[in-house]
C-alpha atoms as a PDB file:
ATOM      1  CA  UNK A   1      46.531 109.109  16.270  1.00  0.00           C
ATOM      2  CA  UNK A   2      45.018 106.370  14.239  1.00  0.00           C
ATOM      3  CA  UNK A   3      44.669 106.371  10.472  1.00  0.00           C
ATOM      4  CA  UNK A   4      40.893 106.808  10.690  1.00  0.00           C
ATOM      5  CA  UNK A   5      41.267 110.015  12.690  1.00  0.00           C
ATOM      6  CA  UNK A   6      43.783 111.324  10.137  1.00  0.00           C
ATOM      7  CA  UNK A   7      41.399 110.620   7.277  1.00  0.00           C
ATOM      8  CA  UNK A   8      38.440 112.242   9.033  1.00  0.00           C
ATOM      9  CA  UNK A   9      40.492 115.338   9.868  1.00  0.00           C
ATOM     10  CA  UNK A  10      41.797 115.599   6.308  1.00  0.00           C
ATOM     11  CA  UNK A  11      38.250 115.282   4.967  1.00  0.00           C
ATOM     12  CA  UNK A  12      37.158 118.057   7.324  1.00  0.00           C
ATOM     13  CA  UNK A  13      39.962 120.281   6.019  1.00  0.00           C
ATOM     14  CA  UNK A  14      39.010 119.468   2.417  1.00  0.00           C
ATOM     15  CA  UNK A  15      35.365 120.272   3.189  1.00  0.00           C
ATOM     16  CA  UNK A  16      36.379 123.641   4.676  1.00  0.00           C
ATOM     17  CA  UNK A  17      38.444 124.429   1.578  1.00  0.00           C
ATOM     18  CA  UNK A  18      35.644 123.421  -0.802  1.00  0.00           C
ATOM     19  CA  UNK A  19      33.033 125.420   1.138  1.00  0.00           C
ATOM     20  CA  UNK A  20      35.369 128.409   1.327  1.00  0.00           C
ATOM     21  CA  UNK A  21      36.099 128.234  -2.389  1.00  0.00           C
ATOM     22  CA  UNK A  22      32.394 127.986  -3.189  1.00  0.00           C
ATOM     23  CA  UNK A  23      31.470 131.047  -1.141  1.00  0.00           C
ATOM     24  CA  UNK A  24      34.387 133.042  -2.537  1.00  0.00           C
ATOM     25  CA  UNK A  25      33.270 132.141  -6.059  1.00  0.00           C
ATOM     26  CA  UNK A  26      29.686 133.143  -5.255  1.00  0.00           C
ATOM     27  CA  UNK A  27      30.940 136.482  -3.894  1.00  0.00           C
ATOM     28  CA  UNK A  28      32.993 137.152  -7.012  1.00  0.00           C
ATOM     29  CA  UNK A  29      30.118 136.089  -9.283  1.00  0.00           C
ATOM     30  CA  UNK A  30      27.688 138.377  -7.457  1.00  0.00           C
ATOM     31  CA  UNK A  31      30.090 141.292  -7.803  1.00  0.00           C
ATOM     32  CA  UNK A  32      30.206 140.796 -11.560  1.00  0.00           C
ATOM     33  CA  UNK A  33      26.651 139.779 -12.397  1.00  0.00           C
ATOM     34  CA  UNK A  34      24.349 141.741 -10.109  1.00  0.00           C
ATOM     35  CA  UNK A  35      22.898 144.877 -11.617  1.00  0.00           C
ATOM     36  CA  UNK A  36      22.890 147.533  -8.909  1.00  0.00           C
ATOM     37  CA  UNK A  37      25.376 148.888  -6.437  1.00  0.00           C
ATOM     38  CA  UNK A  38      23.593 147.789  -3.277  1.00  0.00           C
ATOM     39  CA  UNK A  39      23.134 144.267  -4.609  1.00  0.00           C
ATOM     40  CA  UNK A  40      26.769 144.108  -5.716  1.00  0.00           C
ATOM     41  CA  UNK A  41      27.868 145.312  -2.298  1.00  0.00           C
ATOM     42  CA  UNK A  42      26.073 142.499  -0.483  1.00  0.00           C
ATOM     43  CA  UNK A  43      27.693 139.548  -2.269  1.00  0.00           C
ATOM     44  CA  UNK A  44      31.386 140.215  -1.691  1.00  0.00           C
ATOM     45  CA  UNK A  45      30.990 141.443   1.860  1.00  0.00           C
ATOM     46  CA  UNK A  46      28.979 138.462   3.042  1.00  0.00           C
ATOM     47  CA  UNK A  47      29.886 135.508   0.862  1.00  0.00           C
ATOM     48  CA  UNK A  48      33.552 136.299   0.381  1.00  0.00           C
ATOM     49  CA  UNK A  49      34.046 136.942   4.090  1.00  0.00           C
ATOM     50  CA  UNK A  50      32.580 133.524   4.857  1.00  0.00           C
ATOM     51  CA  UNK A  51      34.672 131.925   2.103  1.00  0.00           C
ATOM     52  CA  UNK A  52      37.968 133.422   3.224  1.00  0.00           C
ATOM     53  CA  UNK A  53      37.084 132.616   6.841  1.00  0.00           C
ATOM     54  CA  UNK A  54      36.593 128.942   5.949  1.00  0.00           C
ATOM     55  CA  UNK A  55      39.889 128.861   4.068  1.00  0.00           C
ATOM     56  CA  UNK A  56      41.725 130.445   6.983  1.00  0.00           C
ATOM     57  CA  UNK A  57      40.112 127.980   9.389  1.00  0.00           C
ATOM     58  CA  UNK A  58      41.368 125.169   7.151  1.00  0.00           C
ATOM     59  CA  UNK A  59      44.851 126.684   7.226  1.00  0.00           C
ATOM     60  CA  UNK A  60      44.840 126.871  11.031  1.00  0.00           C
ATOM     61  CA  UNK A  61      43.561 123.294  11.201  1.00  0.00           C
ATOM     62  CA  UNK A  62      46.251 122.112   8.809  1.00  0.00           C
ATOM     63  CA  UNK A  63      49.025 123.639  10.897  1.00  0.00           C
ATOM     64  CA  UNK A  64      47.516 122.254  14.101  1.00  0.00           C
ATOM     65  CA  UNK A  65      47.143 118.838  12.477  1.00  0.00           C
ATOM     66  CA  UNK A  66      50.773 118.706  11.315  1.00  0.00           C
ATOM     67  CA  UNK A  67      52.086 119.900  14.653  1.00  0.00           C
ATOM     68  CA  UNK A  68      53.959 122.869  13.205  1.00  0.00           C
ATOM     69  CA  UNK A  69      54.422 125.969  15.262  1.00  0.00           C
ATOM     70  CA  UNK A  70      51.258 128.081  15.310  1.00  0.00           C
ATOM     71  CA  UNK A  71      51.487 131.100  13.057  1.00  0.00           C
ATOM     72  CA  UNK A  72      49.471 134.093  14.231  1.00  0.00           C
ATOM     73  CA  UNK A  73      49.103 135.284  10.629  1.00  0.00           C
ATOM     74  CA  UNK A  74      45.930 133.327   9.972  1.00  0.00           C
ATOM     75  CA  UNK A  75      44.323 134.525  13.178  1.00  0.00           C
ATOM     76  CA  UNK A  76      45.313 138.131  12.499  1.00  0.00           C
ATOM     77  CA  UNK A  77      44.007 137.944   8.929  1.00  0.00           C
ATOM     78  CA  UNK A  78      40.727 136.486  10.180  1.00  0.00           C
ATOM     79  CA  UNK A  79      40.378 139.180  12.841  1.00  0.00           C
ATOM     80  CA  UNK A  80      41.220 141.926  10.362  1.00  0.00           C
ATOM     81  CA  UNK A  81      38.750 140.550   7.808  1.00  0.00           C
ATOM     82  CA  UNK A  82      35.906 140.162  10.285  1.00  0.00           C
ATOM     83  CA  UNK A  83      36.443 143.694  11.608  1.00  0.00           C
ATOM     84  CA  UNK A  84      36.968 145.565   8.348  1.00  0.00           C
ATOM     85  CA  UNK A  85      34.464 143.919   5.981  1.00  0.00           C
ATOM     86  CA  UNK A  86      31.276 145.051   7.789  1.00  0.00           C
ATOM     87  CA  UNK A  87      32.688 148.510   8.467  1.00  0.00           C
ATOM     88  CA  UNK A  88      33.741 149.082   4.864  1.00  0.00           C
ATOM     89  CA  UNK A  89      30.390 147.784   3.572  1.00  0.00           C
ATOM     90  CA  UNK A  90      28.565 150.140   5.918  1.00  0.00           C
ATOM     91  CA  UNK A  91      30.665 153.111   4.830  1.00  0.00           C
ATOM     92  CA  UNK A  92      30.194 152.288   1.137  1.00  0.00           C
ATOM     93  CA  UNK A  93      26.434 151.986   1.603  1.00  0.00           C
ATOM     94  CA  UNK A  94      26.267 155.307   3.475  1.00  0.00           C
ATOM     95  CA  UNK A  95      28.313 157.001   0.764  1.00  0.00           C
ATOM     96  CA  UNK A  96      26.041 155.583  -1.934  1.00  0.00           C
ATOM     97  CA  UNK A  97      22.965 156.761  -0.063  1.00  0.00           C
ATOM     98  CA  UNK A  98      24.383 160.250   0.345  1.00  0.00           C
ATOM     99  CA  UNK A  99      25.198 160.373  -3.388  1.00  0.00           C
ATOM    100  CA  UNK A 100      21.589 159.350  -4.183  1.00  0.00           C
ATOM    101  CA  UNK A 101      22.705 156.395  -6.257  1.00  0.00           C
ATOM    102  CA  UNK A 102      19.163 155.071  -6.241  1.00  0.00           C
ATOM    103  CA  UNK A 103      18.125 158.068  -8.393  1.00  0.00           C
ATOM    104  CA  UNK A 104      20.796 157.556 -11.054  1.00  0.00           C
ATOM    105  CA  UNK A 105      19.827 156.055 -14.402  1.00  0.00           C
ATOM    106  CA  UNK A 106      20.337 152.396 -15.176  1.00  0.00           C
ATOM    107  CA  UNK A 107      23.132 151.251 -17.445  1.00  0.00           C
ATOM    108  CA  UNK A 108      22.108 151.018 -21.100  1.00  0.00           C
ATOM    109  CA  UNK A 109      20.959 147.587 -22.162  1.00  0.00           C
ATOM    110  CA  UNK A 110      20.122 146.492 -18.628  1.00  0.00           C
ATOM    111  CA  UNK A 111      16.615 145.333 -17.757  1.00  0.00           C
ATOM    112  CA  UNK A 112      14.485 147.549 -15.614  1.00  0.00           C
ATOM    113  CA  UNK A 113      15.668 146.360 -12.233  1.00  0.00           C
ATOM    114  CA  UNK A 114      15.600 148.981  -9.538  1.00  0.00           C
ATOM    115  CA  UNK A 115      15.716 148.931  -5.801  1.00  0.00           C
ATOM    116  CA  UNK A 116      13.943 152.259  -5.449  1.00  0.00           C
ATOM    117  CA  UNK A 117      10.813 151.746  -3.356  1.00  0.00           C
ATOM    118  CA  UNK A 118       7.596 153.469  -4.433  1.00  0.00           C
ATOM    119  CA  UNK A 119       7.213 156.984  -3.126  1.00  0.00           C
ATOM    120  CA  UNK A 120       4.799 157.416  -0.211  1.00  0.00           C
ATOM    121  CA  UNK A 121       2.896 160.200  -1.991  1.00  0.00           C
ATOM    122  CA  UNK A 122       2.198 157.942  -4.998  1.00  0.00           C
ATOM    123  CA  UNK A 123       4.087 160.118  -7.486  1.00  0.00           C
ATOM    124  CA  UNK A 124       6.311 158.416 -10.059  1.00  0.00           C
ATOM    125  CA  UNK A 125       9.988 158.134  -9.145  1.00  0.00           C
ATOM    126  CA  UNK A 126      11.216 159.920 -12.283  1.00  0.00           C
ATOM    127  CA  UNK A 127       9.779 163.358 -11.322  1.00  0.00           C
ATOM    128  CA  UNK A 128      12.808 164.586  -9.339  1.00  0.00           C
END
């Protein structure tokens, strides 16, 4: 392969690593900074999955580019991640709904930020 193809492929791998790092950082930041459980659940399951997927794609591309023997680890990690992340997020959300986490009080010092929709009968939410 020519030098131009090598440079383009290396830039593609760098772009995948940068994009993956960005989305992983966004997922970690959303886990720390968001105020409620359902909001915190969304960031790591979506953004971090995309970030780790990009990093694993860069790893597969790197090994294919260097001509080393293909390691099934990256593909198995990707498959495991793409299967387990949505299932675990769904189970966590169902558990939170069954525990009525939307009715629990806010943490002290936090602004009034709630995901509880208004009741259909028009009554205030704090009359449970």
